[in-house]
Amino acid sequence: MYGLFDDEDDLLTGSPKSKLMDVIFNANNDVVRYEIEKFIDRAAAMEMMMRERCGDKFSDDGDEVEKEIRAYTLSRRDEVDDFAKNLYIEMMGAILTKSE
């Protein structure tokens, strides 16, 4: 019975990821599109910076970038998960603020 309240995806609490998904599917479509486009632009800029700073190490097809990201994610799993939770919360806050 007590295990019922331990679920991170519980209806009453939920994880930052599940709550963001709720917001995305229920908020103003234009606001959601804007925030997703802003997020993608930021991700593109970061990947471009990574390629520039690492030089020839990364090929144009992106395979090396993917390998680097995967290796980094595996080596720092908990930190990446925590940072991802913060990003879910930030995007959810931005959507909710603009949807009021």
PDB file of N, CA and C in Angstrom:
ATOM      1  N   MET A   1       0.804  -1.194   0.000  1.00  0.00           N
ATOM      2  CA  MET A   1       0.000   0.000   0.000  1.00  0.00           C
ATOM      3  C   MET A   1       0.851   1.263   0.000  1.00  0.00           C
ATOM      4  N   TYR A   2       1.924   1.277   0.822  1.00  0.00           N
ATOM      5  CA  TYR A   2       2.749   2.475   0.906  1.00  0.00           C
ATOM      6  C   TYR A   2       3.534   2.721  -0.367  1.00  0.00           C
ATOM      7  N   GLY A   3       3.770   1.682  -1.132  1.00  0.00           N
ATOM      8  CA  GLY A   3       4.466   1.823  -2.408  1.00  0.00           C
ATOM      9  C   GLY A   3       3.706   2.686  -3.389  1.00  0.00           C
ATOM     10  N   LEU A   4       2.426   2.816  -3.182  1.00  0.00           N
ATOM     11  CA  LEU A   4       1.591   3.649  -4.047  1.00  0.00           C
ATOM     12  C   LEU A   4       2.067   5.096  -4.058  1.00  0.00           C
ATOM     13  N   PHE A   5       2.591   5.560  -2.934  1.00  0.00           N
ATOM     14  CA  PHE A   5       2.996   6.955  -2.813  1.00  0.00           C
ATOM     15  C   PHE A   5       4.447   7.190  -3.198  1.00  0.00           C
ATOM     16  N   ASP A   6       5.172   6.143  -3.530  1.00  0.00           N
ATOM     17  CA  ASP A   6       6.580   6.269  -3.888  1.00  0.00           C
ATOM     18  C   ASP A   6       6.798   6.476  -5.381  1.00  0.00           C
ATOM     19  N   ASP A   7       5.780   6.304  -6.186  1.00  0.00           N
ATOM     20  CA  ASP A   7       5.912   6.387  -7.632  1.00  0.00           C
ATOM     21  C   ASP A   7       6.198   7.819  -8.070  1.00  0.00           C
ATOM     22  N   GLU A   8       7.295   8.016  -8.784  1.00  0.00           N
ATOM     23  CA  GLU A   8       7.677   9.335  -9.259  1.00  0.00           C
ATOM     24  C   GLU A   8       6.662   9.893 -10.246  1.00  0.00           C
ATOM     25  N   ASP A   9       5.935   9.025 -10.918  1.00  0.00           N
ATOM     26  CA  ASP A   9       4.952   9.463 -11.900  1.00  0.00           C
ATOM     27  C   ASP A   9       3.531   9.434 -11.339  1.00  0.00           C
ATOM     28  N   ASP A  10       3.387   9.502 -10.037  1.00  0.00           N
ATOM     29  CA  ASP A  10       2.077   9.511  -9.399  1.00  0.00           C
ATOM     30  C   ASP A  10       1.238  10.668  -9.938  1.00  0.00           C
ATOM     31  N   LEU A  11      -0.050  10.460 -10.035  1.00  0.00           N
ATOM     32  CA  LEU A  11      -0.952  11.490 -10.569  1.00  0.00           C
ATOM     33  C   LEU A  11      -0.904  12.786  -9.780  1.00  0.00           C
ATOM     34  N   LEU A  12      -0.746  12.707  -8.473  1.00  0.00           N
ATOM     35  CA  LEU A  12      -0.777  13.911  -7.655  1.00  0.00           C
ATOM     36  C   LEU A  12       0.535  14.678  -7.681  1.00  0.00           C
ATOM     37  N   THR A  13       1.631  13.988  -7.838  1.00  0.00           N
ATOM     38  CA  THR A  13       2.916  14.680  -7.840  1.00  0.00           C
ATOM     39  C   THR A  13       3.519  14.656  -9.235  1.00  0.00           C
ATOM     40  N   GLY A  14       3.931  13.514  -9.671  1.00  0.00           N
ATOM     41  CA  GLY A  14       4.506  13.380 -11.005  1.00  0.00           C
ATOM     42  C   GLY A  14       5.941  13.858 -11.075  1.00  0.00           C
ATOM     43  N   SER A  15       6.631  13.394 -12.076  1.00  0.00           N
ATOM     44  CA  SER A  15       8.012  13.804 -12.312  1.00  0.00           C
ATOM     45  C   SER A  15       8.006  15.091 -13.128  1.00  0.00           C
ATOM     46  N   PRO A  16       9.101  15.832 -13.109  1.00  0.00           N
ATOM     47  CA  PRO A  16       9.162  17.027 -13.963  1.00  0.00           C
ATOM     48  C   PRO A  16       8.887  16.699 -15.429  1.00  0.00           C
ATOM     49  N   LYS A  17       9.366  15.540 -15.885  1.00  0.00           N
ATOM     50  CA  LYS A  17       9.141  15.139 -17.277  1.00  0.00           C
ATOM     51  C   LYS A  17       7.651  14.929 -17.552  1.00  0.00           C
ATOM     52  N   SER A  18       6.974  14.182 -16.685  1.00  0.00           N
ATOM     53  CA  SER A  18       5.558  13.911 -16.922  1.00  0.00           C
ATOM     54  C   SER A  18       4.718  15.174 -16.813  1.00  0.00           C
ATOM     55  N   LYS A  19       5.083  16.052 -15.905  1.00  0.00           N
ATOM     56  CA  LYS A  19       4.338  17.314 -15.763  1.00  0.00           C
ATOM     57  C   LYS A  19       4.551  18.212 -16.977  1.00  0.00           C
ATOM     58  N   LEU A  20       5.788  18.247 -17.514  1.00  0.00           N
ATOM     59  CA  LEU A  20       6.031  19.032 -18.730  1.00  0.00           C
ATOM     60  C   LEU A  20       5.182  18.495 -19.869  1.00  0.00           C
ATOM     61  N   MET A  21       5.099  17.176 -20.001  1.00  0.00           N
ATOM     62  CA  MET A  21       4.282  16.593 -21.064  1.00  0.00           C
ATOM     63  C   MET A  21       2.815  16.987 -20.902  1.00  0.00           C
ATOM     64  N   ASP A  22       2.335  16.993 -19.664  1.00  0.00           N
ATOM     65  CA  ASP A  22       0.964  17.453 -19.411  1.00  0.00           C
ATOM     66  C   ASP A  22       0.784  18.892 -19.876  1.00  0.00           C
ATOM     67  N   VAL A  23       1.742  19.732 -19.524  1.00  0.00           N
ATOM     68  CA  VAL A  23       1.666  21.149 -19.902  1.00  0.00           C
ATOM     69  C   VAL A  23       1.720  21.307 -21.415  1.00  0.00           C
ATOM     70  N   ILE A  24       2.640  20.601 -22.067  1.00  0.00           N
ATOM     71  CA  ILE A  24       2.790  20.710 -23.519  1.00  0.00           C
ATOM     72  C   ILE A  24       1.487  20.355 -24.231  1.00  0.00           C
ATOM     73  N   PHE A  25       0.821  19.315 -23.769  1.00  0.00           N
ATOM     74  CA  PHE A  25      -0.386  18.864 -24.461  1.00  0.00           C
ATOM     75  C   PHE A  25      -1.638  19.645 -24.088  1.00  0.00           C
ATOM     76  N   ASN A  26      -1.536  20.507 -23.054  1.00  0.00           N
ATOM     77  CA  ASN A  26      -2.717  21.241 -22.627  1.00  0.00           C
ATOM     78  C   ASN A  26      -2.579  22.756 -22.709  1.00  0.00           C
ATOM     79  N   ALA A  27      -1.388  23.251 -22.938  1.00  0.00           N
ATOM     80  CA  ALA A  27      -1.161  24.700 -22.984  1.00  0.00           C
ATOM     81  C   ALA A  27      -1.442  25.249 -24.379  1.00  0.00           C
ATOM     82  N   ASN A  28      -1.375  26.560 -24.476  1.00  0.00           N
ATOM     83  CA  ASN A  28      -1.556  27.252 -25.748  1.00  0.00           C
ATOM     84  C   ASN A  28      -0.539  26.724 -26.759  1.00  0.00           C
ATOM     85  N   ASN A  29      -1.030  26.274 -27.905  1.00  0.00           N
ATOM     86  CA  ASN A  29      -0.194  25.664 -28.935  1.00  0.00           C
ATOM     87  C   ASN A  29       0.904  26.606 -29.423  1.00  0.00           C
ATOM     88  N   ASP A  30       0.596  27.883 -29.611  1.00  0.00           N
ATOM     89  CA  ASP A  30       1.600  28.841 -30.090  1.00  0.00           C
ATOM     90  C   ASP A  30       2.733  29.013 -29.083  1.00  0.00           C
ATOM     91  N   VAL A  31       2.398  29.051 -27.804  1.00  0.00           N
ATOM     92  CA  VAL A  31       3.413  29.188 -26.760  1.00  0.00           C
ATOM     93  C   VAL A  31       4.301  27.952 -26.731  1.00  0.00           C
ATOM     94  N   VAL A  32       3.702  26.778 -26.816  1.00  0.00           N
ATOM     95  CA  VAL A  32       4.473  25.530 -26.800  1.00  0.00           C
ATOM     96  C   VAL A  32       5.411  25.471 -28.000  1.00  0.00           C
ATOM     97  N   ARG A  33       4.904  25.811 -29.174  1.00  0.00           N
ATOM     98  CA  ARG A  33       5.750  25.815 -30.379  1.00  0.00           C
ATOM     99  C   ARG A  33       6.933  26.760 -30.216  1.00  0.00           C
ATOM    100  N   TYR A  34       6.668  27.959 -29.682  1.00  0.00           N
ATOM    101  CA  TYR A  34       7.726  28.946 -29.473  1.00  0.00           C
ATOM    102  C   TYR A  34       8.815  28.392 -28.541  1.00  0.00           C
ATOM    103  N   GLU A  35       8.413  27.797 -27.430  1.00  0.00           N
ATOM    104  CA  GLU A  35       9.379  27.282 -26.460  1.00  0.00           C
ATOM    105  C   GLU A  35      10.167  26.101 -27.023  1.00  0.00           C
ATOM    106  N   ILE A  36       9.519  25.237 -27.784  1.00  0.00           N
ATOM    107  CA  ILE A  36      10.234  24.109 -28.398  1.00  0.00           C
ATOM    108  C   ILE A  36      11.224  24.622 -29.440  1.00  0.00           C
ATOM    109  N   GLU A  37      10.814  25.600 -30.256  1.00  0.00           N
ATOM    110  CA  GLU A  37      11.730  26.181 -31.246  1.00  0.00           C
ATOM    111  C   GLU A  37      12.925  26.835 -30.559  1.00  0.00           C
ATOM    112  N   LYS A  38      12.673  27.540 -29.460  1.00  0.00           N
ATOM    113  CA  LYS A  38      13.758  28.180 -28.709  1.00  0.00           C
ATOM    114  C   LYS A  38      14.717  27.121 -28.157  1.00  0.00           C
ATOM    115  N   PHE A  39      14.166  26.018 -27.668  1.00  0.00           N
ATOM    116  CA  PHE A  39      14.990  24.939 -27.131  1.00  0.00           C
ATOM    117  C   PHE A  39      15.847  24.300 -28.223  1.00  0.00           C
ATOM    118  N   ILE A  40      15.253  24.061 -29.381  1.00  0.00           N
ATOM    119  CA  ILE A  40      15.986  23.463 -30.504  1.00  0.00           C
ATOM    120  C   ILE A  40      17.079  24.405 -30.993  1.00  0.00           C
ATOM    121  N   ASP A  41      16.778  25.700 -31.092  1.00  0.00           N
ATOM    122  CA  ASP A  41      17.795  26.675 -31.487  1.00  0.00           C
ATOM    123  C   ASP A  41      18.973  26.649 -30.519  1.00  0.00           C
ATOM    124  N   ARG A  42      18.658  26.567 -29.239  1.00  0.00           N
ATOM    125  CA  ARG A  42      19.719  26.534 -28.227  1.00  0.00           C
ATOM    126  C   ARG A  42      20.553  25.255 -28.362  1.00  0.00           C
ATOM    127  N   ALA A  43      19.890  24.126 -28.570  1.00  0.00           N
ATOM    128  CA  ALA A  43      20.608  22.860 -28.744  1.00  0.00           C
ATOM    129  C   ALA A  43      21.494  22.904 -29.988  1.00  0.00           C
ATOM    130  N   ALA A  44      20.977  23.506 -31.067  1.00  0.00           N
ATOM    131  CA  ALA A  44      21.768  23.627 -32.300  1.00  0.00           C
ATOM    132  C   ALA A  44      23.000  24.490 -32.055  1.00  0.00           C
ATOM    133  N   ALA A  45      22.825  25.603 -31.363  1.00  0.00           N
ATOM    134  CA  ALA A  45      23.957  26.483 -31.073  1.00  0.00           C
ATOM    135  C   ALA A  45      25.000  25.766 -30.215  1.00  0.00           C
ATOM    136  N   MET A  46      24.550  25.002 -29.236  1.00  0.00           N
ATOM    137  CA  MET A  46      25.493  24.277 -28.380  1.00  0.00           C
ATOM    138  C   MET A  46      26.262  23.220 -29.163  1.00  0.00           C
ATOM    139  N   GLU A  47      25.567  22.526 -30.057  1.00  0.00           N
ATOM    140  CA  GLU A  47      26.255  21.510 -30.855  1.00  0.00           C
ATOM    141  C   GLU A  47      27.254  22.167 -31.804  1.00  0.00           C
ATOM    142  N   MET A  48      26.872  23.292 -32.385  1.00  0.00           N
ATOM    143  CA  MET A  48      27.796  24.004 -33.268  1.00  0.00           C
ATOM    144  C   MET A  48      29.023  24.488 -32.490  1.00  0.00           C
ATOM    145  N   MET A  49      28.812  24.991 -31.279  1.00  0.00           N
ATOM    146  CA  MET A  49      29.935  25.423 -30.439  1.00  0.00           C
ATOM    147  C   MET A  49      30.843  24.241 -30.119  1.00  0.00           C
ATOM    148  N   MET A  50      30.237  23.107 -29.823  1.00  0.00           N
ATOM    149  CA  MET A  50      31.004  21.903 -29.513  1.00  0.00           C
ATOM    150  C   MET A  50      31.871  21.500 -30.707  1.00  0.00           C
ATOM    151  N   ARG A  51      31.292  21.546 -31.896  1.00  0.00           N
ATOM    152  CA  ARG A  51      32.047  21.197 -33.104  1.00  0.00           C
ATOM    153  C   ARG A  51      33.192  22.178 -33.343  1.00  0.00           C
ATOM    154  N   GLU A  52      32.932  23.475 -33.158  1.00  0.00           N
ATOM    155  CA  GLU A  52      33.967  24.487 -33.371  1.00  0.00           C
ATOM    156  C   GLU A  52      35.102  24.341 -32.371  1.00  0.00           C
ATOM    157  N   ARG A  53      34.764  24.115 -31.134  1.00  0.00           N
ATOM    158  CA  ARG A  53      35.776  24.048 -30.081  1.00  0.00           C
ATOM    159  C   ARG A  53      36.574  22.757 -30.105  1.00  0.00           C
ATOM    160  N   CYS A  54      35.983  21.708 -30.655  1.00  0.00           N
ATOM    161  CA  CYS A  54      36.676  20.422 -30.702  1.00  0.00           C
ATOM    162  C   CYS A  54      37.325  20.184 -32.061  1.00  0.00           C
ATOM    163  N   GLY A  55      37.112  21.091 -32.978  1.00  0.00           N
ATOM    164  CA  GLY A  55      37.786  21.041 -34.268  1.00  0.00           C
ATOM    165  C   GLY A  55      37.467  19.835 -35.111  1.00  0.00           C
ATOM    166  N   ASP A  56      38.508  19.270 -35.712  1.00  0.00           N
ATOM    167  CA  ASP A  56      38.370  18.172 -36.664  1.00  0.00           C
ATOM    168  C   ASP A  56      37.952  16.854 -36.036  1.00  0.00           C
ATOM    169  N   LYS A  57      37.868  16.826 -34.723  1.00  0.00           N
ATOM    170  CA  LYS A  57      37.505  15.580 -34.052  1.00  0.00           C
ATOM    171  C   LYS A  57      36.121  15.093 -34.482  1.00  0.00           C
ATOM    172  N   PHE A  58      35.238  16.029 -34.839  1.00  0.00           N
ATOM    173  CA  PHE A  58      33.873  15.682 -35.197  1.00  0.00           C
ATOM    174  C   PHE A  58      33.666  15.773 -36.700  1.00  0.00           C
ATOM    175  N   SER A  59      33.102  14.721 -37.246  1.00  0.00           N
ATOM    176  CA  SER A  59      32.801  14.710 -38.672  1.00  0.00           C
ATOM    177  C   SER A  59      31.497  15.447 -38.926  1.00  0.00           C
ATOM    178  N   ASP A  60      31.228  15.768 -40.177  1.00  0.00           N
ATOM    179  CA  ASP A  60      30.021  16.500 -40.541  1.00  0.00           C
ATOM    180  C   ASP A  60      28.749  15.685 -40.374  1.00  0.00           C
ATOM    181  N   ASP A  61      28.851  14.368 -40.376  1.00  0.00           N
ATOM    182  CA  ASP A  61      27.638  13.552 -40.309  1.00  0.00           C
ATOM    183  C   ASP A  61      27.065  13.427 -38.897  1.00  0.00           C
ATOM    184  N   GLY A  62      27.788  13.876 -37.885  1.00  0.00           N
ATOM    185  CA  GLY A  62      27.268  13.883 -36.532  1.00  0.00           C
ATOM    186  C   GLY A  62      27.510  12.623 -35.726  1.00  0.00           C
ATOM    187  N   ASP A  63      28.094  11.592 -36.343  1.00  0.00           N
ATOM    188  CA  ASP A  63      28.329  10.349 -35.610  1.00  0.00           C
ATOM    189  C   ASP A  63      29.247  10.559 -34.409  1.00  0.00           C
ATOM    190  N   GLU A  64      30.298  11.319 -34.592  1.00  0.00           N
ATOM    191  CA  GLU A  64      31.241  11.566 -33.502  1.00  0.00           C
ATOM    192  C   GLU A  64      30.590  12.384 -32.393  1.00  0.00           C
ATOM    193  N   VAL A  65      29.763  13.340 -32.775  1.00  0.00           N
ATOM    194  CA  VAL A  65      29.061  14.149 -31.784  1.00  0.00           C
ATOM    195  C   VAL A  65      28.165  13.241 -30.945  1.00  0.00           C
ATOM    196  N   GLU A  66      27.433  12.360 -31.611  1.00  0.00           N
ATOM    197  CA  GLU A  66      26.548  11.432 -30.895  1.00  0.00           C
ATOM    198  C   GLU A  66      27.343  10.538 -29.949  1.00  0.00           C
ATOM    199  N   LYS A  67      28.491  10.029 -30.393  1.00  0.00           N
ATOM    200  CA  LYS A  67      29.326   9.175 -29.546  1.00  0.00           C
ATOM    201  C   LYS A  67      29.811   9.941 -28.320  1.00  0.00           C
ATOM    202  N   GLU A  68      30.236  11.180 -28.517  1.00  0.00           N
ATOM    203  CA  GLU A  68      30.707  12.025 -27.412  1.00  0.00           C
ATOM    204  C   GLU A  68      29.590  12.279 -26.415  1.00  0.00           C
ATOM    205  N   ILE A  69      28.424  12.616 -26.917  1.00  0.00           N
ATOM    206  CA  ILE A  69      27.284  12.901 -26.037  1.00  0.00           C
ATOM    207  C   ILE A  69      26.894  11.641 -25.270  1.00  0.00           C
ATOM    208  N   ARG A  70      26.840  10.513 -25.948  1.00  0.00           N
ATOM    209  CA  ARG A  70      26.494   9.245 -25.300  1.00  0.00           C
ATOM    210  C   ARG A  70      27.505   8.887 -24.213  1.00  0.00           C
ATOM    211  N   ALA A  71      28.794   9.043 -24.508  1.00  0.00           N
ATOM    212  CA  ALA A  71      29.837   8.725 -23.532  1.00  0.00           C
ATOM    213  C   ALA A  71      29.740   9.655 -22.322  1.00  0.00           C
ATOM    214  N   TYR A  72      29.516  10.930 -22.581  1.00  0.00           N
ATOM    215  CA  TYR A  72      29.385  11.904 -21.497  1.00  0.00           C
ATOM    216  C   TYR A  72      28.174  11.561 -20.631  1.00  0.00           C
ATOM    217  N   THR A  73      27.070  11.246 -21.271  1.00  0.00           N
ATOM    218  CA  THR A  73      25.837  10.913 -20.556  1.00  0.00           C
ATOM    219  C   THR A  73      26.032   9.675 -19.688  1.00  0.00           C
ATOM    220  N   LEU A  74      26.669   8.661 -20.230  1.00  0.00           N
ATOM    221  CA  LEU A  74      26.899   7.434 -19.460  1.00  0.00           C
ATOM    222  C   LEU A  74      27.837   7.665 -18.282  1.00  0.00           C
ATOM    223  N   SER A  75      28.847   8.484 -18.476  1.00  0.00           N
ATOM    224  CA  SER A  75      29.833   8.704 -17.407  1.00  0.00           C
ATOM    225  C   SER A  75      29.305   9.620 -16.307  1.00  0.00           C
ATOM    226  N   ARG A  76      28.279  10.406 -16.612  1.00  0.00           N
ATOM    227  CA  ARG A  76      27.755  11.364 -15.627  1.00  0.00           C
ATOM    228  C   ARG A  76      26.234  11.264 -15.535  1.00  0.00           C
ATOM    229  N   ARG A  77      25.725  10.051 -15.536  1.00  0.00           N
ATOM    230  CA  ARG A  77      24.280   9.785 -15.619  1.00  0.00           C
ATOM    231  C   ARG A  77      23.454  10.576 -14.603  1.00  0.00           C
ATOM    232  N   ASP A  78      23.841  10.544 -13.335  1.00  0.00           N
ATOM    233  CA  ASP A  78      23.053  11.223 -12.303  1.00  0.00           C
ATOM    234  C   ASP A  78      23.028  12.738 -12.509  1.00  0.00           C
ATOM    235  N   GLU A  79      24.175  13.304 -12.851  1.00  0.00           N
ATOM    236  CA  GLU A  79      24.237  14.751 -13.090  1.00  0.00           C
ATOM    237  C   GLU A  79      23.398  15.150 -14.299  1.00  0.00           C
ATOM    238  N   VAL A  80      23.461  14.345 -15.349  1.00  0.00           N
ATOM    239  CA  VAL A  80      22.678  14.624 -16.553  1.00  0.00           C
ATOM    240  C   VAL A  80      21.186  14.528 -16.235  1.00  0.00           C
ATOM    241  N   ASP A  81      20.792  13.519 -15.467  1.00  0.00           N
ATOM    242  CA  ASP A  81      19.388  13.375 -15.081  1.00  0.00           C
ATOM    243  C   ASP A  81      18.907  14.579 -14.271  1.00  0.00           C
ATOM    244  N   ASP A  82      19.726  15.017 -13.320  1.00  0.00           N
ATOM    245  CA  ASP A  82      19.351  16.182 -12.509  1.00  0.00           C
ATOM    246  C   ASP A  82      19.234  17.440 -13.362  1.00  0.00           C
ATOM    247  N   PHE A  83      20.172  17.619 -14.273  1.00  0.00           N
ATOM    248  CA  PHE A  83      20.139  18.797 -15.143  1.00  0.00           C
ATOM    249  C   PHE A  83      18.927  18.742 -16.072  1.00  0.00           C
ATOM    250  N   ALA A  84      18.614  17.547 -16.564  1.00  0.00           N
ATOM    251  CA  ALA A  84      17.441  17.384 -17.430  1.00  0.00           C
ATOM    252  C   ALA A  84      16.164  17.739 -16.666  1.00  0.00           C
ATOM    253  N   LYS A  85      16.063  17.329 -15.410  1.00  0.00           N
ATOM    254  CA  LYS A  85      14.895  17.687 -14.603  1.00  0.00           C
ATOM    255  C   LYS A  85      14.760  19.199 -14.503  1.00  0.00           C
ATOM    256  N   ASN A  86      15.885  19.892 -14.320  1.00  0.00           N
ATOM    257  CA  ASN A  86      15.844  21.352 -14.258  1.00  0.00           C
ATOM    258  C   ASN A  86      15.360  21.950 -15.581  1.00  0.00           C
ATOM    259  N   LEU A  87      15.792  21.367 -16.690  1.00  0.00           N
ATOM    260  CA  LEU A  87      15.343  21.863 -17.999  1.00  0.00           C
ATOM    261  C   LEU A  87      13.857  21.635 -18.209  1.00  0.00           C
ATOM    262  N   TYR A  88      13.351  20.482 -17.766  1.00  0.00           N
ATOM    263  CA  TYR A  88      11.909  20.228 -17.848  1.00  0.00           C
ATOM    264  C   TYR A  88      11.145  21.309 -17.074  1.00  0.00           C
ATOM    265  N   ILE A  89      11.627  21.603 -15.869  1.00  0.00           N
ATOM    266  CA  ILE A  89      10.965  22.587 -15.018  1.00  0.00           C
ATOM    267  C   ILE A  89      11.048  23.984 -15.633  1.00  0.00           C
ATOM    268  N   GLU A  90      12.211  24.347 -16.175  1.00  0.00           N
ATOM    269  CA  GLU A  90      12.366  25.655 -16.818  1.00  0.00           C
ATOM    270  C   GLU A  90      11.407  25.822 -17.990  1.00  0.00           C
ATOM    271  N   MET A  91      11.329  24.808 -18.855  1.00  0.00           N
ATOM    272  CA  MET A  91      10.451  24.910 -20.010  1.00  0.00           C
ATOM    273  C   MET A  91       8.992  24.956 -19.573  1.00  0.00           C
ATOM    274  N   MET A  92       8.649  24.143 -18.587  1.00  0.00           N
ATOM    275  CA  MET A  92       7.283  24.149 -18.087  1.00  0.00           C
ATOM    276  C   MET A  92       6.934  25.533 -17.525  1.00  0.00           C
ATOM    277  N   GLY A  93       7.842  26.122 -16.764  1.00  0.00           N
ATOM    278  CA  GLY A  93       7.618  27.460 -16.209  1.00  0.00           C
ATOM    279  C   GLY A  93       7.444  28.503 -17.298  1.00  0.00           C
ATOM    280  N   ALA A  94       8.287  28.429 -18.340  1.00  0.00           N
ATOM    281  CA  ALA A  94       8.200  29.390 -19.438  1.00  0.00           C
ATOM    282  C   ALA A  94       6.849  29.271 -20.162  1.00  0.00           C
ATOM    283  N   ILE A  95       6.412  28.052 -20.388  1.00  0.00           N
ATOM    284  CA  ILE A  95       5.126  27.826 -21.079  1.00  0.00           C
ATOM    285  C   ILE A  95       3.981  28.319 -20.223  1.00  0.00           C
ATOM    286  N   LEU A  96       3.990  27.964 -18.952  1.00  0.00           N
ATOM    287  CA  LEU A  96       2.894  28.365 -18.067  1.00  0.00           C
ATOM    288  C   LEU A  96       2.837  29.875 -17.886  1.00  0.00           C
ATOM    289  N   THR A  97       3.990  30.514 -17.783  1.00  0.00           N
ATOM    290  CA  THR A  97       4.042  31.960 -17.607  1.00  0.00           C
ATOM    291  C   THR A  97       3.459  32.677 -18.810  1.00  0.00           C
ATOM    292  N   LYS A  98       3.785  32.193 -20.002  1.00  0.00           N
ATOM    293  CA  LYS A  98       3.292  32.840 -21.225  1.00  0.00           C
ATOM    294  C   LYS A  98       1.858  32.448 -21.548  1.00  0.00           C
ATOM    295  N   SER A  99       1.350  31.410 -20.899  1.00  0.00           N
ATOM    296  CA  SER A  99      -0.010  30.952 -21.179  1.00  0.00           C
ATOM    297  C   SER A  99      -1.060  31.604 -20.278  1.00  0.00           C
ATOM    298  N   GLU A 100      -0.613  32.362 -19.301  1.00  0.00           N
ATOM    299  CA  GLU A 100      -1.560  32.967 -18.356  1.00  0.00           C
ATOM    300  C   GLU A 100      -2.382  34.053 -19.017  1.00  0.00           C
TER     301      GLU A 100
END
